[in-house]
């Protein structure tokens, strides 16, 4: 019974934090408190309340760490190996939306997540946050004003998105500049997160031409490097994994499709945020970070 609520606790915490490791810790603590509590009439509501409050505490303690982060910050990815498995994606966990949530205060973020992802009523939200009904409504209104103008508007047909991403991968593998330009939006944005440990662009790159040149320079060498680009579902959106010849993971890339073109590319290279996905390659790491070969 208690373990059945782990996915709920993790879902709440991950949407709040954008961190798999921290969400797992929050979920574990929420389930432990449920297990040791007496006379809980509504276990799911109890777990949601505890997970939300713990996530708020984590966000508050992490604010300085986020502000001093090296380069661009991206969430830890959730990956499904087969991008064709799911017919409907989940926009609420997309990199683009989670990045928008970073603009909000912890309480604003909690209200938006509980209301939009879990359809909680304002009475319940007010109780979870230990605030008034009026303040809960004000928090949601303020949160929506801060994110609605830039909220991602993904194309509705997942098959068309996957087909566009397949064209992108073909062009990336072959170093086809024109092919990449054909699938990228003119105002496309590429964001890379290396966390100071992996080789990544220091700040977001803007424009289809600049992004296409960067992709040709990097992925045009896949044959020489022996790496493969494997389609995957990244945080509910089509994307791919870059895998080294020994099967170890180099990075994951999420591609957001809007208006029939790829609008945003999010590349997660930081090894600290990829470890939950399996063994990692050092191909993308900075030389100073690579492990010293055994004698």
C-alpha atoms as a PDB file:
ATOM      1  CA  UNK A   1       0.000   0.000   0.000  1.00  0.00           C
ATOM      2  CA  UNK A   2       2.740   2.458   0.971  1.00  0.00           C
ATOM      3  CA  UNK A   3       4.946   1.556  -2.026  1.00  0.00           C
ATOM      4  CA  UNK A   4       2.008   2.060  -4.388  1.00  0.00           C
ATOM      5  CA  UNK A   5       2.231   5.777  -3.613  1.00  0.00           C
ATOM      6  CA  UNK A   6       5.901   6.123  -4.556  1.00  0.00           C
ATOM      7  CA  UNK A   7       5.154   7.173  -8.184  1.00  0.00           C
ATOM      8  CA  UNK A   8       2.820   9.906  -6.902  1.00  0.00           C
ATOM      9  CA  UNK A   9       5.391  11.243  -4.448  1.00  0.00           C
ATOM     10  CA  UNK A  10       8.124  11.168  -7.095  1.00  0.00           C
ATOM     11  CA  UNK A  11       5.912  12.890  -9.692  1.00  0.00           C
ATOM     12  CA  UNK A  12       5.115  15.767  -7.341  1.00  0.00           C
ATOM     13  CA  UNK A  13       8.733  16.178  -6.240  1.00  0.00           C
ATOM     14  CA  UNK A  14      10.257  15.910  -9.719  1.00  0.00           C
ATOM     15  CA  UNK A  15       7.960  18.578 -11.152  1.00  0.00           C
ATOM     16  CA  UNK A  16       8.930  20.817  -8.266  1.00  0.00           C
ATOM     17  CA  UNK A  17      12.672  20.151  -8.346  1.00  0.00           C
ATOM     18  CA  UNK A  18      13.697  18.978 -11.825  1.00  0.00           C
ATOM     19  CA  UNK A  19      16.096  16.559 -10.117  1.00  0.00           C
ATOM     20  CA  UNK A  20      15.702  12.791 -10.187  1.00  0.00           C
ATOM     21  CA  UNK A  21      17.995  12.225  -7.198  1.00  0.00           C
ATOM     22  CA  UNK A  22      16.356  14.873  -5.037  1.00  0.00           C
ATOM     23  CA  UNK A  23      12.865  13.723  -6.059  1.00  0.00           C
ATOM     24  CA  UNK A  24      13.719  10.150  -5.088  1.00  0.00           C
ATOM     25  CA  UNK A  25      14.955  11.352  -1.687  1.00  0.00           C
ATOM     26  CA  UNK A  26      11.760  13.367  -1.149  1.00  0.00           C
ATOM     27  CA  UNK A  27       9.586  10.426  -2.189  1.00  0.00           C
ATOM     28  CA  UNK A  28      11.441   8.090   0.170  1.00  0.00           C
ATOM     29  CA  UNK A  29      11.027  10.478   3.108  1.00  0.00           C
ATOM     30  CA  UNK A  30       7.322  11.007   2.334  1.00  0.00           C
ATOM     31  CA  UNK A  31       6.702   7.248   2.300  1.00  0.00           C
ATOM     32  CA  UNK A  32       8.673   6.789   5.513  1.00  0.00           C
ATOM     33  CA  UNK A  33       6.534   9.398   7.259  1.00  0.00           C
ATOM     34  CA  UNK A  34       3.381   7.713   5.979  1.00  0.00           C
ATOM     35  CA  UNK A  35       4.604   4.354   7.255  1.00  0.00           C
ATOM     36  CA  UNK A  36       5.257   5.718  10.744  1.00  0.00           C
ATOM     37  CA  UNK A  37       2.126   7.897  10.966  1.00  0.00           C
ATOM     38  CA  UNK A  38      -1.033   6.832  12.775  1.00  0.00           C
ATOM     39  CA  UNK A  39      -4.633   6.975  11.573  1.00  0.00           C
ATOM     40  CA  UNK A  40      -4.111   8.430   8.088  1.00  0.00           C
ATOM     41  CA  UNK A  41      -7.511   8.461   6.368  1.00  0.00           C
ATOM     42  CA  UNK A  42      -6.234   9.679   2.999  1.00  0.00           C
ATOM     43  CA  UNK A  43      -2.743   8.295   2.335  1.00  0.00           C
ATOM     44  CA  UNK A  44      -2.428   9.859  -1.122  1.00  0.00           C
ATOM     45  CA  UNK A  45      -3.285  13.315   0.212  1.00  0.00           C
ATOM     46  CA  UNK A  46      -0.829  12.822   3.085  1.00  0.00           C
ATOM     47  CA  UNK A  47       1.990  11.806   0.726  1.00  0.00           C
ATOM     48  CA  UNK A  48       1.269  14.708  -1.639  1.00  0.00           C
ATOM     49  CA  UNK A  49       1.318  17.167   1.255  1.00  0.00           C
ATOM     50  CA  UNK A  50       4.587  15.867   2.681  1.00  0.00           C
ATOM     51  CA  UNK A  51       6.273  15.643  -0.745  1.00  0.00           C
ATOM     52  CA  UNK A  52       5.229  19.202  -1.619  1.00  0.00           C
ATOM     53  CA  UNK A  53       6.433  20.672   1.658  1.00  0.00           C
ATOM     54  CA  UNK A  54       9.733  18.812   1.508  1.00  0.00           C
ATOM     55  CA  UNK A  55      10.266  19.929  -2.105  1.00  0.00           C
ATOM     56  CA  UNK A  56       9.629  23.541  -1.109  1.00  0.00           C
ATOM     57  CA  UNK A  57      12.304  23.219   1.582  1.00  0.00           C
ATOM     58  CA  UNK A  58      14.748  21.764  -0.951  1.00  0.00           C
ATOM     59  CA  UNK A  59      14.054  24.569  -3.420  1.00  0.00           C
ATOM     60  CA  UNK A  60      14.687  27.211  -0.803  1.00  0.00           C
ATOM     61  CA  UNK A  61      17.984  25.638   0.238  1.00  0.00           C
ATOM     62  CA  UNK A  62      19.057  25.137  -3.396  1.00  0.00           C
ATOM     63  CA  UNK A  63      18.429  28.686  -4.575  1.00  0.00           C
ATOM     64  CA  UNK A  64      21.984  29.927  -3.964  1.00  0.00           C
ATOM     65  CA  UNK A  65      23.403  26.746  -5.518  1.00  0.00           C
ATOM     66  CA  UNK A  66      21.293  27.296  -8.652  1.00  0.00           C
ATOM     67  CA  UNK A  67      22.332  30.952  -8.897  1.00  0.00           C
ATOM     68  CA  UNK A  68      26.055  30.061  -8.834  1.00  0.00           C
ATOM     69  CA  UNK A  69      25.739  27.110 -11.216  1.00  0.00           C
ATOM     70  CA  UNK A  70      28.382  26.957 -13.961  1.00  0.00           C
ATOM     71  CA  UNK A  71      26.757  27.633 -17.351  1.00  0.00           C
ATOM     72  CA  UNK A  72      23.129  26.923 -18.184  1.00  0.00           C
ATOM     73  CA  UNK A  73      21.066  24.818 -15.788  1.00  0.00           C
ATOM     74  CA  UNK A  74      18.856  22.038 -17.167  1.00  0.00           C
ATOM     75  CA  UNK A  75      16.818  19.430 -15.266  1.00  0.00           C
ATOM     76  CA  UNK A  76      17.937  15.845 -14.803  1.00  0.00           C
ATOM     77  CA  UNK A  77      16.321  13.960 -17.696  1.00  0.00           C
ATOM     78  CA  UNK A  78      13.654  11.289 -17.619  1.00  0.00           C
ATOM     79  CA  UNK A  79      14.316   8.948 -20.535  1.00  0.00           C
ATOM     80  CA  UNK A  80      12.299   6.292 -22.338  1.00  0.00           C
ATOM     81  CA  UNK A  81      14.367   4.252 -24.754  1.00  0.00           C
ATOM     82  CA  UNK A  82      11.739   3.870 -27.493  1.00  0.00           C
ATOM     83  CA  UNK A  83      10.469   7.246 -28.678  1.00  0.00           C
ATOM     84  CA  UNK A  84       7.604   5.552 -30.509  1.00  0.00           C
ATOM     85  CA  UNK A  85       6.124   3.840 -27.471  1.00  0.00           C
ATOM     86  CA  UNK A  86       4.004   6.703 -26.179  1.00  0.00           C
ATOM     87  CA  UNK A  87       1.347   8.334 -28.312  1.00  0.00           C
ATOM     88  CA  UNK A  88       0.840  11.247 -25.939  1.00  0.00           C
ATOM     89  CA  UNK A  89       3.682  13.121 -24.289  1.00  0.00           C
ATOM     90  CA  UNK A  90       3.669  14.994 -21.036  1.00  0.00           C
ATOM     91  CA  UNK A  91       4.271  18.698 -21.532  1.00  0.00           C
ATOM     92  CA  UNK A  92       4.298  19.325 -17.771  1.00  0.00           C
ATOM     93  CA  UNK A  93       7.706  17.629 -17.428  1.00  0.00           C
ATOM     94  CA  UNK A  94       9.266  18.998 -20.619  1.00  0.00           C
ATOM     95  CA  UNK A  95      12.587  20.776 -20.203  1.00  0.00           C
ATOM     96  CA  UNK A  96      11.035  23.960 -21.597  1.00  0.00           C
ATOM     97  CA  UNK A  97       8.264  24.024 -18.995  1.00  0.00           C
ATOM     98  CA  UNK A  98      10.499  23.012 -16.068  1.00  0.00           C
ATOM     99  CA  UNK A  99      12.861  25.847 -17.006  1.00  0.00           C
ATOM    100  CA  UNK A 100       9.949  28.289 -16.899  1.00  0.00           C
ATOM    101  CA  UNK A 101       9.095  27.052 -13.405  1.00  0.00           C
ATOM    102  CA  UNK A 102      12.590  28.100 -12.300  1.00  0.00           C
ATOM    103  CA  UNK A 103      11.350  31.703 -12.468  1.00  0.00           C
ATOM    104  CA  UNK A 104       8.781  31.094  -9.747  1.00  0.00           C
ATOM    105  CA  UNK A 105       9.061  31.185  -5.995  1.00  0.00           C
ATOM    106  CA  UNK A 106       8.799  27.772  -4.295  1.00  0.00           C
ATOM    107  CA  UNK A 107       5.211  28.433  -3.213  1.00  0.00           C
ATOM    108  CA  UNK A 108       4.191  29.666  -6.678  1.00  0.00           C
ATOM    109  CA  UNK A 109       5.753  26.595  -8.225  1.00  0.00           C
ATOM    110  CA  UNK A 110       3.934  24.302  -5.805  1.00  0.00           C
ATOM    111  CA  UNK A 111       0.547  25.862  -6.520  1.00  0.00           C
ATOM    112  CA  UNK A 112       1.030  25.683 -10.294  1.00  0.00           C
ATOM    113  CA  UNK A 113       2.153  22.042 -10.169  1.00  0.00           C
ATOM    114  CA  UNK A 114      -0.651  20.934  -7.841  1.00  0.00           C
ATOM    115  CA  UNK A 115      -3.318  22.775  -9.799  1.00  0.00           C
ATOM    116  CA  UNK A 116      -2.264  22.062 -13.384  1.00  0.00           C
ATOM    117  CA  UNK A 117      -0.594  18.653 -13.132  1.00  0.00           C
ATOM    118  CA  UNK A 118      -2.701  17.060 -10.405  1.00  0.00           C
ATOM    119  CA  UNK A 119      -5.954  19.059 -10.610  1.00  0.00           C
ATOM    120  CA  UNK A 120      -6.052  19.847  -6.900  1.00  0.00           C
ATOM    121  CA  UNK A 121      -8.757  22.243  -5.706  1.00  0.00           C
ATOM    122  CA  UNK A 122      -7.849  25.500  -3.992  1.00  0.00           C
ATOM    123  CA  UNK A 123      -9.079  24.265  -0.617  1.00  0.00           C
ATOM    124  CA  UNK A 124      -6.671  21.339  -0.765  1.00  0.00           C
ATOM    125  CA  UNK A 125      -3.805  23.479  -2.076  1.00  0.00           C
ATOM    126  CA  UNK A 126      -4.306  26.016   0.718  1.00  0.00           C
ATOM    127  CA  UNK A 127      -4.181  23.212   3.271  1.00  0.00           C
ATOM    128  CA  UNK A 128      -1.050  21.666   1.766  1.00  0.00           C
ATOM    129  CA  UNK A 129       0.752  25.022   1.815  1.00  0.00           C
ATOM    130  CA  UNK A 130      -0.738  26.010   5.160  1.00  0.00           C
ATOM    131  CA  UNK A 131      -2.037  29.266   3.746  1.00  0.00           C
ATOM    132  CA  UNK A 132      -5.353  30.979   3.115  1.00  0.00           C
ATOM    133  CA  UNK A 133      -7.643  30.186   0.212  1.00  0.00           C
ATOM    134  CA  UNK A 134      -7.270  33.747  -1.075  1.00  0.00           C
ATOM    135  CA  UNK A 135      -3.476  33.524  -0.994  1.00  0.00           C
ATOM    136  CA  UNK A 136      -3.507  30.183  -2.833  1.00  0.00           C
ATOM    137  CA  UNK A 137      -5.531  31.806  -5.623  1.00  0.00           C
ATOM    138  CA  UNK A 138      -3.199  34.804  -5.717  1.00  0.00           C
ATOM    139  CA  UNK A 139      -0.146  32.531  -5.920  1.00  0.00           C
ATOM    140  CA  UNK A 140      -1.610  30.686  -8.907  1.00  0.00           C
ATOM    141  CA  UNK A 141      -2.585  33.905 -10.675  1.00  0.00           C
ATOM    142  CA  UNK A 142       0.902  35.343 -10.164  1.00  0.00           C
ATOM    143  CA  UNK A 143       2.576  32.123 -11.303  1.00  0.00           C
ATOM    144  CA  UNK A 144       0.521  31.940 -14.489  1.00  0.00           C
ATOM    145  CA  UNK A 145       1.272  35.576 -15.357  1.00  0.00           C
ATOM    146  CA  UNK A 146       4.994  34.847 -15.063  1.00  0.00           C
ATOM    147  CA  UNK A 147       5.014  31.782 -17.328  1.00  0.00           C
ATOM    148  CA  UNK A 148       2.048  31.954 -19.705  1.00  0.00           C
ATOM    149  CA  UNK A 149       3.634  34.262 -22.298  1.00  0.00           C
ATOM    150  CA  UNK A 150       6.467  31.787 -22.895  1.00  0.00           C
ATOM    151  CA  UNK A 151       4.657  28.536 -22.148  1.00  0.00           C
ATOM    152  CA  UNK A 152       5.639  25.999 -24.840  1.00  0.00           C
ATOM    153  CA  UNK A 153       2.991  25.212 -27.456  1.00  0.00           C
ATOM    154  CA  UNK A 154       4.022  21.795 -28.751  1.00  0.00           C
ATOM    155  CA  UNK A 155       2.661  20.495 -32.050  1.00  0.00           C
ATOM    156  CA  UNK A 156      -0.197  18.097 -31.235  1.00  0.00           C
ATOM    157  CA  UNK A 157       0.613  15.116 -33.473  1.00  0.00           C
ATOM    158  CA  UNK A 158       3.375  12.982 -31.882  1.00  0.00           C
ATOM    159  CA  UNK A 159       3.907  11.033 -35.117  1.00  0.00           C
ATOM    160  CA  UNK A 160       4.680  14.206 -37.041  1.00  0.00           C
ATOM    161  CA  UNK A 161       7.077  15.306 -34.309  1.00  0.00           C
ATOM    162  CA  UNK A 162       8.880  11.971 -34.397  1.00  0.00           C
ATOM    163  CA  UNK A 163       9.137  12.149 -38.198  1.00  0.00           C
ATOM    164  CA  UNK A 164      10.669  15.640 -37.966  1.00  0.00           C
ATOM    165  CA  UNK A 165      13.154  14.460 -35.343  1.00  0.00           C
ATOM    166  CA  UNK A 166      14.063  11.478 -37.550  1.00  0.00           C
ATOM    167  CA  UNK A 167      14.921  13.938 -40.342  1.00  0.00           C
ATOM    168  CA  UNK A 168      17.001  15.927 -37.862  1.00  0.00           C
ATOM    169  CA  UNK A 169      18.936  12.825 -36.810  1.00  0.00           C
ATOM    170  CA  UNK A 170      19.590  11.809 -40.413  1.00  0.00           C
ATOM    171  CA  UNK A 171      20.954  15.274 -41.161  1.00  0.00           C
ATOM    172  CA  UNK A 172      23.005  15.352 -37.946  1.00  0.00           C
ATOM    173  CA  UNK A 173      24.555  11.935 -38.619  1.00  0.00           C
ATOM    174  CA  UNK A 174      25.568  12.907 -42.149  1.00  0.00           C
ATOM    175  CA  UNK A 175      26.652  16.487 -41.379  1.00  0.00           C
ATOM    176  CA  UNK A 176      23.962  17.842 -43.731  1.00  0.00           C
ATOM    177  CA  UNK A 177      23.814  21.607 -43.118  1.00  0.00           C
ATOM    178  CA  UNK A 178      20.902  22.198 -45.495  1.00  0.00           C
ATOM    179  CA  UNK A 179      18.957  19.306 -44.017  1.00  0.00           C
ATOM    180  CA  UNK A 180      19.367  20.731 -40.527  1.00  0.00           C
ATOM    181  CA  UNK A 181      18.337  24.207 -41.628  1.00  0.00           C
ATOM    182  CA  UNK A 182      15.188  22.706 -43.135  1.00  0.00           C
ATOM    183  CA  UNK A 183      13.971  21.305 -39.806  1.00  0.00           C
ATOM    184  CA  UNK A 184      15.138  24.051 -37.421  1.00  0.00           C
ATOM    185  CA  UNK A 185      12.979  27.096 -36.696  1.00  0.00           C
ATOM    186  CA  UNK A 186      14.699  30.367 -37.709  1.00  0.00           C
ATOM    187  CA  UNK A 187      14.673  31.489 -34.061  1.00  0.00           C
ATOM    188  CA  UNK A 188      15.625  28.092 -32.625  1.00  0.00           C
ATOM    189  CA  UNK A 189      17.544  27.983 -29.329  1.00  0.00           C
ATOM    190  CA  UNK A 190      20.160  25.431 -28.238  1.00  0.00           C
ATOM    191  CA  UNK A 191      20.861  25.103 -24.507  1.00  0.00           C
ATOM    192  CA  UNK A 192      23.630  22.873 -23.172  1.00  0.00           C
ATOM    193  CA  UNK A 193      24.276  21.912 -19.554  1.00  0.00           C
ATOM    194  CA  UNK A 194      27.802  20.729 -18.845  1.00  0.00           C
ATOM    195  CA  UNK A 195      27.890  21.826 -15.215  1.00  0.00           C
ATOM    196  CA  UNK A 196      31.532  22.816 -15.637  1.00  0.00           C
ATOM    197  CA  UNK A 197      32.454  19.149 -16.081  1.00  0.00           C
ATOM    198  CA  UNK A 198      31.484  18.418 -19.691  1.00  0.00           C
ATOM    199  CA  UNK A 199      32.319  20.255 -22.893  1.00  0.00           C
ATOM    200  CA  UNK A 200      29.282  22.390 -23.594  1.00  0.00           C
ATOM    201  CA  UNK A 201      28.383  25.797 -24.962  1.00  0.00           C
ATOM    202  CA  UNK A 202      28.758  28.383 -22.160  1.00  0.00           C
ATOM    203  CA  UNK A 203      25.458  30.117 -22.896  1.00  0.00           C
ATOM    204  CA  UNK A 204      22.348  29.480 -25.031  1.00  0.00           C
ATOM    205  CA  UNK A 205      22.914  29.587 -28.800  1.00  0.00           C
ATOM    206  CA  UNK A 206      20.318  31.352 -30.958  1.00  0.00           C
ATOM    207  CA  UNK A 207      19.390  31.023 -34.623  1.00  0.00           C
ATOM    208  CA  UNK A 208      19.059  28.088 -37.010  1.00  0.00           C
ATOM    209  CA  UNK A 209      22.274  28.824 -38.915  1.00  0.00           C
ATOM    210  CA  UNK A 210      24.508  28.982 -35.826  1.00  0.00           C
ATOM    211  CA  UNK A 211      22.924  25.862 -34.338  1.00  0.00           C
ATOM    212  CA  UNK A 212      23.189  23.915 -37.600  1.00  0.00           C
ATOM    213  CA  UNK A 213      26.908  24.769 -37.865  1.00  0.00           C
ATOM    214  CA  UNK A 214      27.486  23.628 -34.289  1.00  0.00           C
ATOM    215  CA  UNK A 215      25.631  20.361 -34.873  1.00  0.00           C
ATOM    216  CA  UNK A 216      27.521  19.678 -38.102  1.00  0.00           C
ATOM    217  CA  UNK A 217      30.783  20.308 -36.278  1.00  0.00           C
ATOM    218  CA  UNK A 218      29.922  17.897 -33.490  1.00  0.00           C
ATOM    219  CA  UNK A 219      27.613  15.210 -34.826  1.00  0.00           C
ATOM    220  CA  UNK A 220      29.168  15.248 -38.285  1.00  0.00           C
ATOM    221  CA  UNK A 221      32.017  13.280 -36.698  1.00  0.00           C
ATOM    222  CA  UNK A 222      29.876  10.454 -35.311  1.00  0.00           C
ATOM    223  CA  UNK A 223      31.354   7.891 -37.718  1.00  0.00           C
ATOM    224  CA  UNK A 224      34.913   8.848 -36.816  1.00  0.00           C
ATOM    225  CA  UNK A 225      34.124   8.702 -33.120  1.00  0.00           C
ATOM    226  CA  UNK A 226      32.066   5.539 -33.424  1.00  0.00           C
ATOM    227  CA  UNK A 227      29.163   7.009 -31.448  1.00  0.00           C
ATOM    228  CA  UNK A 228      25.512   6.325 -32.260  1.00  0.00           C
ATOM    229  CA  UNK A 229      22.455   8.548 -31.969  1.00  0.00           C
ATOM    230  CA  UNK A 230      19.532   6.573 -30.545  1.00  0.00           C
ATOM    231  CA  UNK A 231      15.969   7.978 -30.634  1.00  0.00           C
ATOM    232  CA  UNK A 232      14.390   8.279 -27.198  1.00  0.00           C
ATOM    233  CA  UNK A 233      11.647  10.097 -25.370  1.00  0.00           C
ATOM    234  CA  UNK A 234      13.217  12.789 -23.168  1.00  0.00           C
ATOM    235  CA  UNK A 235      10.906  14.310 -20.570  1.00  0.00           C
ATOM    236  CA  UNK A 236       7.883  13.560 -22.687  1.00  0.00           C
ATOM    237  CA  UNK A 237       9.379  15.031 -25.879  1.00  0.00           C
ATOM    238  CA  UNK A 238      11.139  13.310 -28.801  1.00  0.00           C
ATOM    239  CA  UNK A 239      14.894  13.378 -28.666  1.00  0.00           C
ATOM    240  CA  UNK A 240      17.904  11.086 -28.636  1.00  0.00           C
ATOM    241  CA  UNK A 241      20.754   9.601 -26.649  1.00  0.00           C
ATOM    242  CA  UNK A 242      24.369   9.837 -27.823  1.00  0.00           C
ATOM    243  CA  UNK A 243      26.085   6.531 -27.030  1.00  0.00           C
ATOM    244  CA  UNK A 244      29.836   5.800 -27.171  1.00  0.00           C
ATOM    245  CA  UNK A 245      31.241   2.687 -28.916  1.00  0.00           C
ATOM    246  CA  UNK A 246      31.443   0.866 -25.566  1.00  0.00           C
ATOM    247  CA  UNK A 247      27.722   1.454 -24.928  1.00  0.00           C
ATOM    248  CA  UNK A 248      28.228   4.188 -22.363  1.00  0.00           C
ATOM    249  CA  UNK A 249      26.111   7.333 -22.440  1.00  0.00           C
ATOM    250  CA  UNK A 250      27.577  10.646 -23.647  1.00  0.00           C
ATOM    251  CA  UNK A 251      24.540  12.943 -23.450  1.00  0.00           C
ATOM    252  CA  UNK A 252      20.797  13.175 -24.013  1.00  0.00           C
ATOM    253  CA  UNK A 253      19.051  15.785 -26.149  1.00  0.00           C
ATOM    254  CA  UNK A 254      15.405  16.827 -26.011  1.00  0.00           C
ATOM    255  CA  UNK A 255      13.890  18.492 -29.102  1.00  0.00           C
ATOM    256  CA  UNK A 256      10.785  20.683 -28.813  1.00  0.00           C
ATOM    257  CA  UNK A 257       8.698  20.888 -31.992  1.00  0.00           C
ATOM    258  CA  UNK A 258       6.467  23.918 -32.564  1.00  0.00           C
ATOM    259  CA  UNK A 259       4.954  25.163 -35.804  1.00  0.00           C
ATOM    260  CA  UNK A 260       6.332  22.254 -37.795  1.00  0.00           C
ATOM    261  CA  UNK A 261       9.963  22.967 -36.848  1.00  0.00           C
ATOM    262  CA  UNK A 262      12.379  22.276 -34.014  1.00  0.00           C
ATOM    263  CA  UNK A 263      12.170  25.297 -31.751  1.00  0.00           C
ATOM    264  CA  UNK A 264      14.330  24.311 -28.769  1.00  0.00           C
ATOM    265  CA  UNK A 265      17.166  21.839 -28.266  1.00  0.00           C
ATOM    266  CA  UNK A 266      18.206  20.941 -24.715  1.00  0.00           C
ATOM    267  CA  UNK A 267      21.418  18.944 -24.376  1.00  0.00           C
ATOM    268  CA  UNK A 268      22.212  17.459 -20.969  1.00  0.00           C
ATOM    269  CA  UNK A 269      25.906  16.542 -20.685  1.00  0.00           C
ATOM    270  CA  UNK A 270      26.576  17.068 -16.970  1.00  0.00           C
ATOM    271  CA  UNK A 271      27.658  13.648 -15.658  1.00  0.00           C
ATOM    272  CA  UNK A 272      26.197  14.471 -12.240  1.00  0.00           C
ATOM    273  CA  UNK A 273      22.756  14.587 -13.864  1.00  0.00           C
ATOM    274  CA  UNK A 274      23.093  11.507 -16.074  1.00  0.00           C
ATOM    275  CA  UNK A 275      24.323   8.878 -13.628  1.00  0.00           C
ATOM    276  CA  UNK A 276      20.821   7.511 -12.976  1.00  0.00           C
ATOM    277  CA  UNK A 277      20.632   6.492 -16.657  1.00  0.00           C
ATOM    278  CA  UNK A 278      23.531   4.025 -16.530  1.00  0.00           C
ATOM    279  CA  UNK A 279      27.302   3.952 -17.162  1.00  0.00           C
ATOM    280  CA  UNK A 280      28.715   7.198 -18.573  1.00  0.00           C
ATOM    281  CA  UNK A 281      31.361   7.800 -21.217  1.00  0.00           C
ATOM    282  CA  UNK A 282      34.146  10.325 -20.757  1.00  0.00           C
ATOM    283  CA  UNK A 283      34.012  11.393 -24.425  1.00  0.00           C
ATOM    284  CA  UNK A 284      32.152  14.572 -23.584  1.00  0.00           C
ATOM    285  CA  UNK A 285      34.032  15.426 -20.398  1.00  0.00           C
ATOM    286  CA  UNK A 286      36.616  18.139 -20.016  1.00  0.00           C
ATOM    287  CA  UNK A 287      40.159  16.695 -19.886  1.00  0.00           C
ATOM    288  CA  UNK A 288      40.605  17.789 -16.270  1.00  0.00           C
ATOM    289  CA  UNK A 289      37.509  15.801 -15.248  1.00  0.00           C
ATOM    290  CA  UNK A 290      38.294  12.537 -17.014  1.00  0.00           C
ATOM    291  CA  UNK A 291      39.258   9.626 -14.830  1.00  0.00           C
ATOM    292  CA  UNK A 292      42.951   8.836 -14.707  1.00  0.00           C
ATOM    293  CA  UNK A 293      43.607   5.545 -16.561  1.00  0.00           C
ATOM    294  CA  UNK A 294      44.684   2.674 -14.311  1.00  0.00           C
ATOM    295  CA  UNK A 295      48.423   1.999 -14.226  1.00  0.00           C
END
